[in-house]
C-alpha cells in the first residue's frame, strides 16, 4: 500500500456488494450448530436418534466484530430472530441495527457475554491473531465462534484446543490460514474431524442472485474511489 500511495495510485474496494448472502451464510452456520450437528451424521447413517443440546437463537447475545455491510446485514437478521445484537468497531460509533457498539479496545469486555461471536472484520496488523487462547478462555463453554473473514484473525491451535476440550461449544468456519495460502483446507487438518465444527469452502457470497449482487461492484467501485454520492 505504501508503494502505491507514493505513486499516487488510488485503491478501493466493492464494499457493500455481498453483505446479504454472507449474512445468510453466517446464519446457516449458527442454525446448524444450534440444532445439533449430530443429526447430519445420523442422517448419513440412516439412524433415527434424538439428541440433547439443541438450543434456540432467540434471546441469545450475538457479538459481531465489524459493523460494516456484512455486520449490518447480519444484525438485521439477528433482530428478526429476537437476538440481542452487540457490535465492535474501531471507534465505538453507534450503528443502526445494533443495541450497542463497543470500540475495539473493549473486545475483552464483550467476549464473556457473547453466545455467538462473528468475525466480519478485515485482516490487518491490529486484528491479526485478535482471538487467541486468552480470548477464548474468556468465552462461555456454550459459546460459538463464526469466522467468515480471514483465518489469521484466530490462533488456530488455540481454537482447536478450545473445541476439543469442551471450552467452546462449536465453530462455523470457511476461512483458515492454510486455505488462504493454498486455496483450500488441507485434508490432514484436524478441524475436519471435529463434530462441533461446520466447515464450508470460501464461497459465502454465492447464491442464485450472485451476479445480480456482484454487478453492483461496477457502481460501487467508482463511487468508493471518487466518493461520489449520485450512484445508485
Protein backbone atom coordinates (compact mmCIF):
# COMPACT_ATOMS: atom_id res chain seq x y z
CA UNK A 1 0.00 0.00 0.00
CA UNK A 2 2.86 2.39 0.75
CA UNK A 3 4.32 1.64 -2.68
CA UNK A 4 1.03 2.56 -4.34
CA UNK A 5 0.46 5.65 -2.21
CA UNK A 6 3.86 7.07 -3.10
CA UNK A 7 2.93 6.81 -6.75
CA UNK A 8 -0.47 8.41 -6.34
CA UNK A 9 -2.35 5.22 -7.18
CA UNK A 10 -5.76 5.09 -5.54
CA UNK A 11 -7.01 1.76 -4.15
CA UNK A 12 -10.62 1.00 -3.36
CA UNK A 13 -12.95 -1.99 -2.99
CA UNK A 14 -16.52 -3.04 -3.69
CA UNK A 15 -17.62 -2.92 -0.07
CA UNK A 16 -21.37 -3.39 0.19
CA UNK A 17 -21.87 -5.78 -2.72
CA UNK A 18 -22.18 -9.15 -0.96
CA UNK A 19 -23.30 -8.44 2.61
CA UNK A 20 -26.68 -10.13 2.21
CA UNK A 21 -25.55 -13.60 1.03
CA UNK A 22 -22.67 -13.66 3.51
CA UNK A 23 -25.06 -12.78 6.34
CA UNK A 24 -27.27 -15.70 5.25
CA UNK A 25 -24.22 -17.97 5.30
CA UNK A 26 -23.44 -16.83 8.85
CA UNK A 27 -26.95 -17.68 9.97
CA UNK A 28 -26.88 -21.05 8.24
CA UNK A 29 -23.83 -21.97 10.32
CA UNK A 30 -25.38 -20.61 13.51
CA UNK A 31 -28.58 -22.60 12.96
CA UNK A 32 -26.76 -25.79 12.00
CA UNK A 33 -24.79 -25.64 15.23
CA UNK A 34 -27.80 -24.62 17.31
CA UNK A 35 -29.92 -27.51 16.04
CA UNK A 36 -27.34 -30.19 16.91
CA UNK A 37 -24.84 -31.11 14.16
CA UNK A 38 -25.10 -34.77 15.19
CA UNK A 39 -28.33 -35.01 13.20
CA UNK A 40 -26.38 -34.73 9.94
CA UNK A 41 -24.26 -37.71 10.93
CA UNK A 42 -27.37 -39.66 11.95
CA UNK A 43 -28.96 -38.96 8.57
CA UNK A 44 -25.86 -40.23 6.75
CA UNK A 45 -26.04 -43.39 8.86
CA UNK A 46 -29.86 -43.70 8.40
CA UNK A 47 -30.23 -43.64 12.17
CA UNK A 48 -33.32 -42.16 13.88
CA UNK A 49 -31.91 -40.83 17.12
CA UNK A 50 -32.92 -37.96 19.34
CA UNK A 51 -30.20 -35.58 20.51
CA UNK A 52 -29.88 -33.31 23.50
CA UNK A 53 -28.18 -29.93 23.31
CA UNK A 54 -30.44 -28.30 20.76
CA UNK A 55 -30.81 -24.61 21.52
CA UNK A 56 -32.72 -21.58 20.27
CA UNK A 57 -31.23 -18.39 18.89
CA UNK A 58 -33.97 -16.22 20.33
CA UNK A 59 -32.77 -14.34 23.40
CA UNK A 60 -29.11 -15.14 22.79
CA UNK A 61 -26.42 -12.46 22.56
CA UNK A 62 -24.72 -12.07 19.18
CA UNK A 63 -21.46 -10.11 19.16
CA UNK A 64 -20.29 -9.02 15.70
CA UNK A 65 -16.73 -7.81 15.21
CA UNK A 66 -17.05 -5.46 12.26
CA UNK A 67 -20.12 -3.28 11.72
CA UNK A 68 -19.83 -2.61 8.01
CA UNK A 69 -22.07 -4.14 5.35
CA UNK A 70 -21.75 -7.78 6.45
CA UNK A 71 -22.13 -6.85 10.11
CA UNK A 72 -25.21 -4.72 9.44
CA UNK A 73 -26.88 -7.38 7.29
CA UNK A 74 -26.19 -9.98 9.97
CA UNK A 75 -27.53 -7.69 12.70
CA UNK A 76 -30.72 -7.14 10.71
CA UNK A 77 -31.38 -10.88 10.57
CA UNK A 78 -30.47 -11.34 14.22
CA UNK A 79 -33.08 -8.75 15.19
CA UNK A 80 -35.69 -10.78 13.33
CA UNK A 81 -34.64 -13.76 15.45
CA UNK A 82 -35.09 -11.59 18.59
CA UNK A 83 -31.43 -11.85 19.49
CA UNK A 84 -29.51 -9.21 21.42
CA UNK A 85 -27.04 -7.70 18.95
CA UNK A 86 -23.79 -6.06 20.04
CA UNK A 87 -21.05 -4.76 17.78
CA UNK A 88 -17.37 -3.92 17.83
CA UNK A 89 -15.71 -1.42 15.55
CA UNK A 90 -12.69 0.87 15.60
CA UNK A 91 -14.36 3.91 17.14
CA UNK A 92 -17.33 2.51 19.05
CA UNK A 93 -19.63 4.72 16.99
CA UNK A 94 -23.24 3.53 17.05
CA UNK A 95 -24.63 1.71 14.01
CA UNK A 96 -28.26 1.04 13.08
CA UNK A 97 -29.34 -2.48 13.98
CA UNK A 98 -27.00 -2.83 16.94
CA UNK A 99 -28.21 -2.44 20.51
CA UNK A 100 -24.76 -1.23 21.49
CA UNK A 101 -21.42 -0.82 19.73
CA UNK A 102 -18.09 -1.01 21.54
CA UNK A 103 -14.70 0.35 20.48
CA UNK A 104 -12.09 -2.22 19.50
CA UNK A 105 -10.23 -1.94 22.81
CA UNK A 106 -13.35 -3.28 24.57
CA UNK A 107 -13.12 -6.74 22.98
CA UNK A 108 -12.35 -8.45 26.27
CA UNK A 109 -15.47 -6.93 27.84
CA UNK A 110 -17.60 -8.28 25.02
CA UNK A 111 -16.35 -11.88 24.94
CA UNK A 112 -17.80 -13.13 28.27
CA UNK A 113 -21.33 -12.08 27.32
CA UNK A 114 -21.33 -13.40 23.75
CA UNK A 115 -23.27 -16.57 22.97
CA UNK A 116 -22.24 -16.19 19.33
CA UNK A 117 -19.13 -14.35 18.18
CA UNK A 118 -18.99 -13.43 14.50
CA UNK A 119 -15.73 -12.19 12.98
CA UNK A 120 -16.54 -9.97 10.00
CA UNK A 121 -13.65 -7.52 10.07
CA UNK A 122 -10.67 -7.03 7.75
CA UNK A 123 -7.34 -8.71 8.43
CA UNK A 124 -4.86 -6.02 9.42
CA UNK A 125 -1.91 -5.60 11.72
CA UNK A 126 -4.19 -4.75 14.64
CA UNK A 127 -6.64 -7.61 14.03
CA UNK A 128 -4.25 -10.45 13.19
CA UNK A 129 -4.42 -13.02 15.98
CA UNK A 130 -7.04 -10.98 17.84
CA UNK A 131 -8.67 -14.19 19.12
CA UNK A 132 -6.13 -16.32 20.95
CA UNK A 133 -6.05 -18.65 23.92
CA UNK A 134 -6.61 -15.78 26.35
CA UNK A 135 -9.66 -14.52 24.48
CA UNK A 136 -11.17 -17.98 24.02
CA UNK A 137 -10.78 -18.63 27.75
CA UNK A 138 -12.92 -15.55 28.40
CA UNK A 139 -15.86 -17.02 26.48
CA UNK A 140 -18.53 -19.28 27.91
CA UNK A 141 -18.23 -23.03 27.19
CA UNK A 142 -21.63 -22.79 25.48
CA UNK A 143 -20.42 -20.11 23.03
CA UNK A 144 -19.92 -20.44 19.28
CA UNK A 145 -17.38 -18.68 17.04
CA UNK A 146 -18.20 -17.94 13.40
CA UNK A 147 -15.30 -16.71 11.25
CA UNK A 148 -16.16 -15.52 7.75
CA UNK A 149 -13.31 -13.01 7.41
CA UNK A 150 -9.75 -14.40 7.40
CA UNK A 151 -8.26 -17.39 9.17
CA UNK A 152 -5.38 -15.41 10.65
CA UNK A 153 -7.76 -13.47 12.89
CA UNK A 154 -7.74 -16.52 15.17
CA UNK A 155 -4.85 -18.52 16.60
CA UNK A 156 -5.90 -21.85 15.12
CA UNK A 157 -4.05 -24.03 17.63
CA UNK A 158 -5.82 -22.24 20.48
CA UNK A 159 -9.18 -22.62 18.72
CA UNK A 160 -8.55 -26.32 18.12
CA UNK A 161 -7.67 -26.82 21.79
CA UNK A 162 -10.81 -24.99 22.96
CA UNK A 163 -13.06 -27.03 20.65
CA UNK A 164 -11.58 -30.40 21.57
CA UNK A 165 -11.50 -29.74 25.31
CA UNK A 166 -15.09 -28.51 25.56
CA UNK A 167 -14.03 -24.98 26.48
CA UNK A 168 -16.00 -23.83 23.42
CA UNK A 169 -19.24 -25.35 22.17
CA UNK A 170 -18.64 -25.02 18.44
CA UNK A 171 -17.41 -23.08 15.45
CA UNK A 172 -18.51 -22.28 11.93
CA UNK A 173 -15.50 -21.79 9.66
CA UNK A 174 -14.93 -21.04 6.00
CA UNK A 175 -11.50 -19.47 6.33
CA UNK A 176 -8.22 -20.90 7.58
CA UNK A 177 -4.57 -19.94 7.41
CA UNK A 178 -3.89 -22.90 5.08
CA UNK A 179 -6.93 -22.06 3.00
CA UNK A 180 -5.67 -18.54 2.41
CA UNK A 181 -2.24 -19.79 1.37
CA UNK A 182 -3.31 -22.82 -0.69
CA UNK A 183 -6.89 -22.06 -1.71
CA UNK A 184 -8.29 -24.94 0.35
CA UNK A 185 -8.20 -26.55 3.76
CA UNK A 186 -5.68 -29.39 3.55
CA UNK A 187 -7.09 -32.92 4.04
CA UNK A 188 -4.84 -33.59 7.02
CA UNK A 189 -6.22 -30.64 9.01
CA UNK A 190 -7.56 -31.82 12.40
CA UNK A 191 -10.53 -29.47 12.06
CA UNK A 192 -12.19 -31.88 9.61
CA UNK A 193 -12.68 -34.47 12.34
CA UNK A 194 -14.30 -32.23 14.94
CA UNK A 195 -18.01 -33.00 15.41
CA UNK A 196 -18.73 -29.49 16.70
CA UNK A 197 -17.38 -27.64 13.66
CA UNK A 198 -19.19 -26.69 10.45
CA UNK A 199 -16.72 -26.27 7.58
CA UNK A 200 -17.64 -24.83 4.19
CA UNK A 201 -15.48 -23.57 1.31
CA UNK A 202 -14.70 -19.87 0.98
CA UNK A 203 -17.82 -19.07 -1.04
CA UNK A 204 -20.24 -17.42 1.37
CA UNK A 205 -21.14 -14.79 -1.23
CA UNK A 206 -22.54 -17.39 -3.64
CA UNK A 207 -26.21 -17.92 -4.40
CA UNK A 208 -28.73 -17.74 -7.21
CA UNK A 209 -28.58 -13.93 -7.02
CA UNK A 210 -24.78 -13.76 -7.08
CA UNK A 211 -24.43 -11.99 -10.42
CA UNK A 212 -27.18 -9.54 -9.51
CA UNK A 213 -25.29 -8.54 -6.36
CA UNK A 214 -21.85 -8.80 -7.93
CA UNK A 215 -22.87 -6.42 -10.70
CA UNK A 216 -23.16 -3.69 -8.07
CA UNK A 217 -19.37 -3.68 -8.00
CA UNK A 218 -19.45 -1.67 -11.23
CA UNK A 219 -21.42 1.01 -9.40
CA UNK A 220 -19.71 0.77 -6.02
CA UNK A 221 -16.12 0.86 -7.26
CA UNK A 222 -16.24 4.34 -8.87
CA UNK A 223 -18.39 5.67 -6.03
CA UNK A 224 -15.95 4.42 -3.42
CA UNK A 225 -12.99 5.59 -5.48
CA UNK A 226 -14.19 9.12 -6.08
CA UNK A 227 -16.57 9.37 -3.08
CA UNK A 228 -19.47 10.22 -5.35
CA UNK A 229 -22.97 10.00 -3.90
CA UNK A 230 -25.03 10.08 -7.07
CA UNK A 231 -24.52 6.43 -7.98
CA UNK A 232 -27.49 4.07 -7.31
